[in-house]
Amino acid sequence: DSIQIQFRFNSDSIQIQFTLKVPMPILEGINFINLVI
């Protein structure tokens, strides 16, 4: 349905959290993908 992008600014690193809301059985267990830069 929608793609939520959350930006979290920490003291040392920047965490970009992508939350994908897709009605698929494959993505049932996968809720978010964390990319730590």
PDB file of N, CA and C in Angstrom:
ATOM      1  N   ASP A   1       0.824  -1.205   0.000  1.00  0.00           N
ATOM      2  CA  ASP A   1       0.000   0.000   0.000  1.00  0.00           C
ATOM      3  C   ASP A   1       0.863   1.262   0.000  1.00  0.00           C
ATOM      4  N   SER A   2       1.759   1.358   0.955  1.00  0.00           N
ATOM      5  CA  SER A   2       2.571   2.565   1.083  1.00  0.00           C
ATOM      6  C   SER A   2       3.988   2.236   1.505  1.00  0.00           C
ATOM      7  N   ILE A   3       4.890   3.166   1.255  1.00  0.00           N
ATOM      8  CA  ILE A   3       6.287   2.998   1.654  1.00  0.00           C
ATOM      9  C   ILE A   3       6.643   4.067   2.678  1.00  0.00           C
ATOM     10  N   GLN A   4       7.022   3.622   3.869  1.00  0.00           N
ATOM     11  CA  GLN A   4       7.378   4.565   4.915  1.00  0.00           C
ATOM     12  C   GLN A   4       8.895   4.636   5.053  1.00  0.00           C
ATOM     13  N   ILE A   5       9.432   5.853   4.995  1.00  0.00           N
ATOM     14  CA  ILE A   5      10.872   6.041   5.159  1.00  0.00           C
ATOM     15  C   ILE A   5      11.133   6.863   6.412  1.00  0.00           C
ATOM     16  N   GLN A   6      11.847   6.256   7.366  1.00  0.00           N
ATOM     17  CA  GLN A   6      12.147   6.950   8.609  1.00  0.00           C
ATOM     18  C   GLN A   6      13.637   7.248   8.692  1.00  0.00           C
ATOM     19  N   PHE A   7      13.961   8.520   8.959  1.00  0.00           N
ATOM     20  CA  PHE A   7      15.357   8.915   9.100  1.00  0.00           C
ATOM     21  C   PHE A   7      15.691   9.115  10.570  1.00  0.00           C
ATOM     22  N   ARG A   8      16.658   8.349  11.066  1.00  0.00           N
ATOM     23  CA  ARG A   8      17.068   8.493  12.461  1.00  0.00           C
ATOM     24  C   ARG A   8      18.514   8.986  12.519  1.00  0.00           C
ATOM     25  N   PHE A   9      18.698  10.173  13.090  1.00  0.00           N
ATOM     26  CA  PHE A   9      20.039  10.743  13.182  1.00  0.00           C
ATOM     27  C   PHE A   9      20.627  10.491  14.563  1.00  0.00           C
ATOM     28  N   ASN A  10      21.653   9.649  14.613  1.00  0.00           N
ATOM     29  CA  ASN A  10      22.336   9.374  15.872  1.00  0.00           C
ATOM     30  C   ASN A  10      23.611  10.206  15.969  1.00  0.00           C
ATOM     31  N   SER A  11      24.332  10.036  17.060  1.00  0.00           N
ATOM     32  CA  SER A  11      25.540  10.833  17.292  1.00  0.00           C
ATOM     33  C   SER A  11      26.668  10.431  16.345  1.00  0.00           C
ATOM     34  N   ASP A  12      26.744   9.161  16.014  1.00  0.00           N
ATOM     35  CA  ASP A  12      27.844   8.670  15.179  1.00  0.00           C
ATOM     36  C   ASP A  12      27.383   8.224  13.797  1.00  0.00           C
ATOM     37  N   SER A  13      26.248   7.551  13.756  1.00  0.00           N
ATOM     38  CA  SER A  13      25.815   6.973  12.489  1.00  0.00           C
ATOM     39  C   SER A  13      24.410   7.433  12.116  1.00  0.00           C
ATOM     40  N   ILE A  14      24.091   7.284  10.852  1.00  0.00           N
ATOM     41  CA  ILE A  14      22.756   7.634  10.361  1.00  0.00           C
ATOM     42  C   ILE A  14      22.016   6.359   9.973  1.00  0.00           C
ATOM     43  N   GLN A  15      20.924   6.093  10.641  1.00  0.00           N
ATOM     44  CA  GLN A  15      20.135   4.901  10.330  1.00  0.00           C
ATOM     45  C   GLN A  15      18.943   5.277   9.447  1.00  0.00           C
ATOM     46  N   ILE A  16      18.906   4.674   8.275  1.00  0.00           N
ATOM     47  CA  ILE A  16      17.769   4.883   7.382  1.00  0.00           C
ATOM     48  C   ILE A  16      16.917   3.619   7.370  1.00  0.00           C
ATOM     49  N   GLN A  17      15.711   3.727   7.920  1.00  0.00           N
ATOM     50  CA  GLN A  17      14.847   2.556   8.043  1.00  0.00           C
ATOM     51  C   GLN A  17      13.739   2.603   6.995  1.00  0.00           C
ATOM     52  N   PHE A  18      13.752   1.618   6.104  1.00  0.00           N
ATOM     53  CA  PHE A  18      12.721   1.520   5.087  1.00  0.00           C
ATOM     54  C   PHE A  18      11.659   0.507   5.514  1.00  0.00           C
ATOM     55  N   THR A  19      10.428   0.983   5.674  1.00  0.00           N
ATOM     56  CA  THR A  19       9.344   0.082   6.042  1.00  0.00           C
ATOM     57  C   THR A  19       8.447  -0.147   4.824  1.00  0.00           C
ATOM     58  N   LEU A  20       8.445  -1.364   4.324  1.00  0.00           N
ATOM     59  CA  LEU A  20       7.647  -1.687   3.149  1.00  0.00           C
ATOM     60  C   LEU A  20       6.378  -2.426   3.558  1.00  0.00           C
ATOM     61  N   LYS A  21       5.234  -1.846   3.201  1.00  0.00           N
ATOM     62  CA  LYS A  21       3.960  -2.503   3.492  1.00  0.00           C
ATOM     63  C   LYS A  21       3.393  -3.072   2.193  1.00  0.00           C
ATOM     64  N   VAL A  22       3.772  -4.314   1.907  1.00  0.00           N
ATOM     65  CA  VAL A  22       3.312  -4.968   0.680  1.00  0.00           C
ATOM     66  C   VAL A  22       2.541  -6.236   1.043  1.00  0.00           C
ATOM     67  N   PRO A  23       1.304  -6.360   0.561  1.00  0.00           N
ATOM     68  CA  PRO A  23       0.479  -7.536   0.862  1.00  0.00           C
ATOM     69  C   PRO A  23       0.954  -8.788   0.132  1.00  0.00           C
ATOM     70  N   MET A  24       2.136  -9.287   0.520  1.00  0.00           N
ATOM     71  CA  MET A  24       2.680 -10.494  -0.094  1.00  0.00           C
ATOM     72  C   MET A  24       3.092 -11.478   0.990  1.00  0.00           C
ATOM     73  N   PRO A  25       2.815 -12.768   0.787  1.00  0.00           N
ATOM     74  CA  PRO A  25       3.169 -13.817   1.762  1.00  0.00           C
ATOM     75  C   PRO A  25       4.676 -13.946   1.945  1.00  0.00           C
ATOM     76  N   ILE A  26       5.441 -13.546   0.931  1.00  0.00           N
ATOM     77  CA  ILE A  26       6.899 -13.631   1.008  1.00  0.00           C
ATOM     78  C   ILE A  26       7.432 -12.601   1.992  1.00  0.00           C
ATOM     79  N   LEU A  27       6.812 -11.432   1.996  1.00  0.00           N
ATOM     80  CA  LEU A  27       7.260 -10.350   2.871  1.00  0.00           C
ATOM     81  C   LEU A  27       6.510 -10.356   4.193  1.00  0.00           C
ATOM     82  N   GLU A  28       5.977 -11.523   4.560  1.00  0.00           N
ATOM     83  CA  GLU A  28       5.194 -11.609   5.796  1.00  0.00           C
ATOM     84  C   GLU A  28       6.097 -11.468   7.011  1.00  0.00           C
ATOM     85  N   GLY A  29       7.256 -12.119   6.966  1.00  0.00           N
ATOM     86  CA  GLY A  29       8.169 -12.089   8.112  1.00  0.00           C
ATOM     87  C   GLY A  29       9.120 -10.904   8.057  1.00  0.00           C
ATOM     88  N   ILE A  30       9.255 -10.334   6.854  1.00  0.00           N
ATOM     89  CA  ILE A  30      10.159  -9.189   6.706  1.00  0.00           C
ATOM     90  C   ILE A  30       9.358  -7.899   6.832  1.00  0.00           C
ATOM     91  N   ASN A  31       9.590  -7.178   7.921  1.00  0.00           N
ATOM     92  CA  ASN A  31       8.843  -5.952   8.161  1.00  0.00           C
ATOM     93  C   ASN A  31       9.615  -4.710   7.755  1.00  0.00           C
ATOM     94  N   PHE A  32      10.918  -4.695   8.024  1.00  0.00           N
ATOM     95  CA  PHE A  32      11.708  -3.512   7.695  1.00  0.00           C
ATOM     96  C   PHE A  32      13.142  -3.885   7.341  1.00  0.00           C
ATOM     97  N   ILE A  33      13.772  -2.990   6.627  1.00  0.00           N
ATOM     98  CA  ILE A  33      15.180  -3.188   6.255  1.00  0.00           C
ATOM     99  C   ILE A  33      15.993  -2.027   6.821  1.00  0.00           C
ATOM    100  N   ASN A  34      16.981  -2.347   7.646  1.00  0.00           N
ATOM    101  CA  ASN A  34      17.806  -1.303   8.248  1.00  0.00           C
ATOM    102  C   ASN A  34      19.116  -1.142   7.496  1.00  0.00           C
ATOM    103  N   LEU A  35      19.390   0.085   7.106  1.00  0.00           N
ATOM    104  CA  LEU A  35      20.673   0.393   6.471  1.00  0.00           C
ATOM    105  C   LEU A  35      21.437   1.348   7.362  1.00  0.00           C
ATOM    106  N   VAL A  36      22.553   0.896   7.905  1.00  0.00           N
ATOM    107  CA  VAL A  36      23.346   1.748   8.784  1.00  0.00           C
ATOM    108  C   VAL A  36      24.528   2.316   8.011  1.00  0.00           C
ATOM    109  N   ILE A  37      24.522   3.620   7.846  1.00  0.00           N
ATOM    110  CA  ILE A  37      25.599   4.286   7.106  1.00  0.00           C
ATOM    111  C   ILE A  37      26.661   4.762   8.093  1.00  0.00           C
TER     112      ILE A  37
END
